Amino acid sequence: MKKSIFLSIALLFVLTISKAQTAMQFSGMDCNNNAVDLFADLDAGKAVALHFYMPSCGSCPPSAQKIQAMANNINSQFPGMVKGYAFPFQNTTLCSYSSTWVSSNNLSDLYAPMDSGEVQVAHYGGFGMPTIVLLGGSNHRTMFSTQNFATSDTTIMRDSILALFGIVAGMNDLQTNVSSFEIYPNPATDIVSINISLTESSVLNIDVTDITGKQIAIIANENQIGLISKQFNTSALANGIYLVRLNVNGKISTQKLTVAH
């Protein structure tokens, strides 16, 4: 093998059918002889997509291509801040094949080819043709994972990445209805105000999710126009990053909310 993966003994035993909430470290060399260190990527504030594929999996390349296109759009604004690694789901597929799989599927813009992904894919819940995992943050968290990829997952991944970078996602889609969308204070210790200016009568929905998209609270579900201010008490939330999701007439914008008591 052209690369080596150094894992702690404790992590080698984390082979579980449940989806891991934190990343599993790998470091060494990829199949192109470039140095890799997952935790160094995450500590540098980067988002990292892991794509676990099977050689005969027909749905694996198209999903990787969709994610690469999304990541390339973000990297055009934030160069090098989204990275990707392509792992075979088992240890019998080595670098010679993995390098060819990445290059022949035109995935080299994002994905570094890796080999021997059996321990990694087991850590994230097993193989699902493909298994896709998005990691981010200095706490090495799993922001998104799936074993049943849908095209809409690229939007979820995009919004999670932009939230990680502190960017409001999706406002361009709302410009005909929304002139402003603000959260204050942010970071929050207790109560925050969510302020929206609607330029015309609209169906307004506001909720709060964790970084994986799991809904935590519903803030509003009503018809509104003009300046709207809603309050949300964050005191019961653990410290970390959350998403405030604004849905106006079926179009969505997402903004990061940092809770730091």
Protein backbone atom coordinates (compact mmCIF):
# COMPACT_ATOMS: atom_id res chain seq x y z
CA MET A 1 0.00 0.00 0.00
CA LYS A 2 1.18 3.50 -0.81
CA LYS A 3 -0.24 5.04 2.31
CA SER A 4 -0.35 4.19 5.96
CA ILE A 5 -3.15 4.96 8.37
CA PHE A 6 -2.29 5.45 12.02
CA LEU A 7 -5.23 4.83 14.30
CA SER A 8 -5.25 4.62 18.06
CA ILE A 9 -5.92 1.17 19.53
CA ALA A 10 -9.09 2.50 21.11
CA LEU A 11 -10.48 3.68 17.80
CA LEU A 12 -9.76 0.37 16.14
CA PHE A 13 -12.44 -1.14 18.37
CA VAL A 14 -15.08 1.42 17.45
CA LEU A 15 -16.75 -0.85 14.89
CA THR A 16 -20.40 -0.15 15.40
CA ILE A 17 -23.54 -0.26 13.35
CA SER A 18 -24.59 3.11 14.73
CA LYS A 19 -23.52 6.28 12.96
CA ALA A 20 -20.55 7.88 14.68
CA GLN A 21 -20.98 11.46 15.87
CA THR A 22 -17.25 12.20 15.72
CA ALA A 23 -14.58 11.63 13.11
CA MET A 24 -12.10 8.77 13.06
CA GLN A 25 -8.56 9.95 12.49
CA PHE A 26 -6.47 8.88 9.53
CA SER A 27 -3.07 10.17 8.51
CA GLY A 28 -0.10 9.18 6.38
CA MET A 29 -0.03 9.23 2.58
CA ASP A 30 -2.83 9.05 0.04
CA CYS A 31 -2.61 6.98 -3.16
CA ASN A 32 -0.99 9.94 -4.95
CA ASN A 33 1.82 10.04 -2.39
CA ASN A 34 0.53 13.24 -0.81
CA ALA A 35 0.54 13.67 2.96
CA VAL A 36 -2.89 13.54 4.63
CA ASP A 37 -4.02 14.23 8.17
CA LEU A 38 -7.77 14.38 8.75
CA PHE A 39 -7.64 16.02 12.16
CA ALA A 40 -5.24 18.69 10.88
CA ASP A 41 -7.75 19.48 8.12
CA LEU A 42 -10.60 19.79 10.63
CA ASP A 43 -8.53 21.81 13.10
CA ALA A 44 -7.77 24.24 10.26
CA GLY A 45 -11.50 24.88 9.88
CA LYS A 46 -11.95 22.84 6.72
CA ALA A 47 -14.93 20.69 5.80
CA VAL A 48 -14.05 17.15 4.69
CA ALA A 49 -16.24 14.83 2.61
CA LEU A 50 -15.60 11.09 2.81
CA HIS A 51 -16.97 8.93 0.00
CA PHE A 52 -16.95 5.16 0.54
CA TYR A 53 -17.49 3.27 -2.71
CA MET A 54 -17.72 -0.28 -4.03
CA PRO A 55 -15.93 -1.01 -7.34
CA SER A 56 -19.14 -2.36 -8.91
CA CYS A 57 -21.43 0.31 -7.45
CA GLY A 58 -23.13 2.18 -10.29
CA SER A 59 -24.58 4.88 -8.01
CA CYS A 60 -21.25 5.72 -6.36
CA PRO A 61 -19.60 7.87 -9.10
CA PRO A 62 -22.66 10.08 -9.85
CA SER A 63 -23.15 10.98 -6.20
CA ALA A 64 -19.46 11.82 -5.84
CA GLN A 65 -19.66 14.01 -8.94
CA LYS A 66 -22.63 15.95 -7.56
CA ILE A 67 -20.83 16.54 -4.27
CA GLN A 68 -17.67 17.59 -6.11
CA ALA A 69 -19.61 20.16 -8.15
CA MET A 70 -21.12 21.59 -4.95
CA ALA A 71 -17.72 21.65 -3.20
CA ASN A 72 -16.04 23.27 -6.19
CA ASN A 73 -18.54 26.14 -6.02
CA ILE A 74 -17.67 26.70 -2.36
CA ASN A 75 -13.93 26.35 -2.98
CA SER A 76 -14.17 29.07 -5.64
CA GLN A 77 -15.03 31.44 -2.77
CA PHE A 78 -13.01 29.71 -0.03
CA PRO A 79 -10.03 28.08 -1.80
CA GLY A 80 -9.00 24.74 -0.34
CA MET A 81 -11.51 24.82 2.50
CA VAL A 82 -13.51 21.79 1.32
CA LYS A 83 -11.56 18.57 0.86
CA GLY A 84 -12.59 15.05 -0.09
CA TYR A 85 -11.27 11.51 0.27
CA ALA A 86 -12.48 8.49 -1.69
CA PHE A 87 -12.20 5.18 0.18
CA PRO A 88 -13.07 1.68 -1.06
CA PHE A 89 -15.40 0.06 1.44
CA GLN A 90 -13.09 -2.90 2.04
CA ASN A 91 -9.37 -3.57 2.48
CA THR A 92 -8.94 -5.73 -0.62
CA THR A 93 -9.26 -2.71 -2.94
CA LEU A 94 -5.85 -1.05 -2.97
CA CYS A 95 -4.29 2.11 -4.34
CA SER A 96 -3.87 0.97 -7.93
CA TYR A 97 -7.65 0.65 -8.28
CA SER A 98 -8.61 3.60 -6.09
CA SER A 99 -6.45 6.03 -8.08
CA THR A 100 -8.00 4.79 -11.32
CA TRP A 101 -11.52 5.02 -9.86
CA VAL A 102 -11.03 8.68 -8.93
CA SER A 103 -9.38 9.72 -12.19
CA SER A 104 -11.67 7.75 -14.55
CA ASN A 105 -14.75 9.24 -12.91
CA ASN A 106 -13.33 12.79 -13.18
CA LEU A 107 -13.26 13.26 -9.42
CA SER A 108 -9.71 14.55 -9.01
CA ASP A 109 -10.83 18.15 -8.42
CA LEU A 110 -12.02 17.22 -4.94
CA TYR A 111 -11.22 13.65 -3.97
CA ALA A 112 -7.86 12.21 -2.95
CA PRO A 113 -7.84 8.44 -3.55
CA MET A 114 -7.33 6.24 -0.49
CA ASP A 115 -7.17 2.47 0.04
CA SER A 116 -8.28 0.01 2.72
CA GLY A 117 -11.41 1.75 3.99
CA GLU A 118 -12.94 -1.12 5.96
CA VAL A 119 -12.27 0.25 9.44
CA GLN A 120 -13.33 3.76 8.45
CA VAL A 121 -16.64 2.76 6.84
CA ALA A 122 -17.51 0.54 9.80
CA HIS A 123 -16.93 3.48 12.15
CA TYR A 124 -19.55 5.50 10.26
CA GLY A 125 -22.19 2.78 10.28
CA GLY A 126 -21.35 0.44 7.41
CA PHE A 127 -21.57 0.51 3.64
CA GLY A 128 -24.65 1.76 1.79
CA MET A 129 -23.72 2.09 -1.91
CA PRO A 130 -22.34 4.63 -1.23
CA THR A 131 -21.75 5.78 2.33
CA ILE A 132 -21.12 9.54 2.41
CA VAL A 133 -19.89 11.42 5.47
CA LEU A 134 -19.30 15.16 5.96
CA LEU A 135 -17.00 16.21 8.79
CA GLY A 136 -16.17 19.64 10.18
CA GLY A 137 -15.13 21.66 13.20
CA SER A 138 -12.29 21.54 15.67
CA ASN A 139 -14.36 19.10 17.72
CA HIS A 140 -14.16 16.71 14.72
CA ARG A 141 -17.91 16.23 14.47
CA THR A 142 -19.96 14.39 11.89
CA MET A 143 -22.09 17.11 10.26
CA PHE A 144 -23.90 14.80 7.84
CA SER A 145 -23.92 11.14 6.85
CA THR A 146 -26.02 8.91 4.65
CA GLN A 147 -26.08 5.39 3.25
CA ASN A 148 -28.84 6.26 0.78
CA PHE A 149 -27.74 9.32 -1.19
CA ALA A 150 -30.31 11.65 -2.78
CA THR A 151 -29.50 14.68 -4.93
CA SER A 152 -31.09 16.94 -2.30
CA ASP A 153 -28.34 15.83 0.10
CA THR A 154 -25.93 18.14 -1.73
CA THR A 155 -28.03 21.10 -0.55
CA ILE A 156 -27.97 19.84 3.03
CA MET A 157 -24.20 19.39 2.82
CA ARG A 158 -23.75 22.81 1.23
CA ASP A 159 -25.73 24.56 3.96
CA SER A 160 -23.82 22.71 6.70
CA ILE A 161 -20.49 23.73 5.14
CA LEU A 162 -21.51 27.36 4.74
CA ALA A 163 -22.79 27.39 8.31
CA LEU A 164 -19.43 26.02 9.43
CA PHE A 165 -17.82 28.97 7.63
CA GLY A 166 -20.29 31.43 9.15
CA ILE A 167 -22.06 32.21 5.86
CA VAL A 168 -25.80 32.68 5.36
CA ALA A 169 -26.92 30.11 2.79
CA GLY A 170 -29.78 30.50 0.34
CA MET A 171 -30.50 34.25 0.65
CA ASN A 172 -30.36 34.74 -3.12
CA ASP A 173 -33.42 32.52 -3.44
CA LEU A 174 -35.35 34.73 -0.99
CA GLN A 175 -34.49 38.20 -2.28
CA THR A 176 -37.95 38.82 -3.74
CA ASN A 177 -39.52 38.28 -0.29
CA VAL A 178 -36.79 38.96 2.31
CA SER A 179 -34.60 42.05 2.58
CA SER A 180 -32.82 41.07 5.80
CA PHE A 181 -32.30 38.05 8.06
CA GLU A 182 -30.30 38.67 11.25
CA ILE A 183 -29.60 36.85 14.52
CA TYR A 184 -28.44 38.82 17.57
CA PRO A 185 -26.46 38.24 19.69
CA ASN A 186 -24.47 35.55 17.91
CA PRO A 187 -22.63 33.84 19.64
CA ALA A 188 -25.46 33.48 22.13
CA THR A 189 -25.51 32.78 25.86
CA ASP A 190 -29.28 32.84 26.49
CA ILE A 191 -31.96 34.70 24.50
CA VAL A 192 -31.38 35.64 20.88
CA SER A 193 -33.51 37.76 18.56
CA ILE A 194 -34.20 36.52 15.06
CA ASN A 195 -35.06 39.54 12.93
CA ILE A 196 -36.54 39.30 9.43
CA SER A 197 -37.83 41.94 7.05
CA LEU A 198 -40.48 40.61 4.64
CA THR A 199 -41.18 42.81 1.64
CA GLU A 200 -44.55 41.18 0.88
CA SER A 201 -47.09 38.96 2.60
CA SER A 202 -45.54 35.52 2.95
CA VAL A 203 -45.89 32.17 4.64
CA LEU A 204 -43.11 32.30 7.24
CA ASN A 205 -41.58 29.29 8.98
CA ILE A 206 -38.57 29.50 11.29
CA ASP A 207 -36.99 26.58 13.10
CA VAL A 208 -33.72 25.66 14.76
CA THR A 209 -31.77 22.50 13.97
CA ASP A 210 -28.52 20.98 15.08
CA ILE A 211 -25.63 20.81 12.60
CA THR A 212 -26.92 17.49 11.22
CA GLY A 213 -30.32 19.02 10.37
CA LYS A 214 -32.27 17.49 13.27
CA GLN A 215 -35.02 19.89 14.31
CA ILE A 216 -34.73 21.25 17.85
CA ALA A 217 -37.38 23.96 18.00
CA ILE A 218 -40.07 25.66 15.91
CA ILE A 219 -39.94 29.46 16.25
CA ALA A 220 -42.66 30.56 13.83
CA ASN A 221 -45.27 29.13 11.46
CA GLU A 222 -47.54 31.94 10.25
CA ASN A 223 -48.41 34.49 7.56
CA GLN A 224 -46.44 37.72 7.97
CA ILE A 225 -45.32 40.95 6.29
CA GLY A 226 -42.94 43.73 7.32
CA LEU A 227 -40.47 43.65 10.20
CA ILE A 228 -40.68 40.52 12.36
CA SER A 229 -38.68 39.81 15.50
CA LYS A 230 -38.78 36.43 17.23
CA GLN A 231 -36.99 35.43 20.42
CA PHE A 232 -35.41 32.07 21.14
CA ASN A 233 -33.91 30.96 24.45
CA THR A 234 -30.69 29.00 23.92
CA SER A 235 -29.96 28.39 27.62
CA ALA A 236 -31.09 24.74 27.43
CA LEU A 237 -28.81 23.98 24.47
CA ALA A 238 -25.33 22.55 24.78
CA ASN A 239 -22.47 24.71 23.54
CA GLY A 240 -21.89 24.31 19.82
CA ILE A 241 -23.11 25.26 16.36
CA TYR A 242 -26.78 25.21 15.36
CA LEU A 243 -28.69 26.33 12.28
CA VAL A 244 -31.56 28.81 12.17
CA ARG A 245 -33.62 27.89 9.12
CA LEU A 246 -35.84 30.49 7.47
CA ASN A 247 -38.50 29.13 5.10
CA VAL A 248 -40.49 31.73 3.17
CA ASN A 249 -43.08 30.45 0.71
CA GLY A 250 -41.18 27.19 0.44
CA LYS A 251 -37.74 28.75 -0.19
CA ILE A 252 -35.10 28.26 2.48
CA SER A 253 -32.19 30.24 3.88
CA THR A 254 -29.97 28.94 6.68
CA GLN A 255 -27.78 30.86 9.10
CA LYS A 256 -25.34 29.64 11.74
CA LEU A 257 -26.10 30.17 15.43
CA THR A 258 -23.24 29.63 17.84
CA VAL A 259 -24.16 28.83 21.45
CA ALA A 260 -21.44 29.55 24.00
CA HIS A 261 -22.64 29.76 27.62
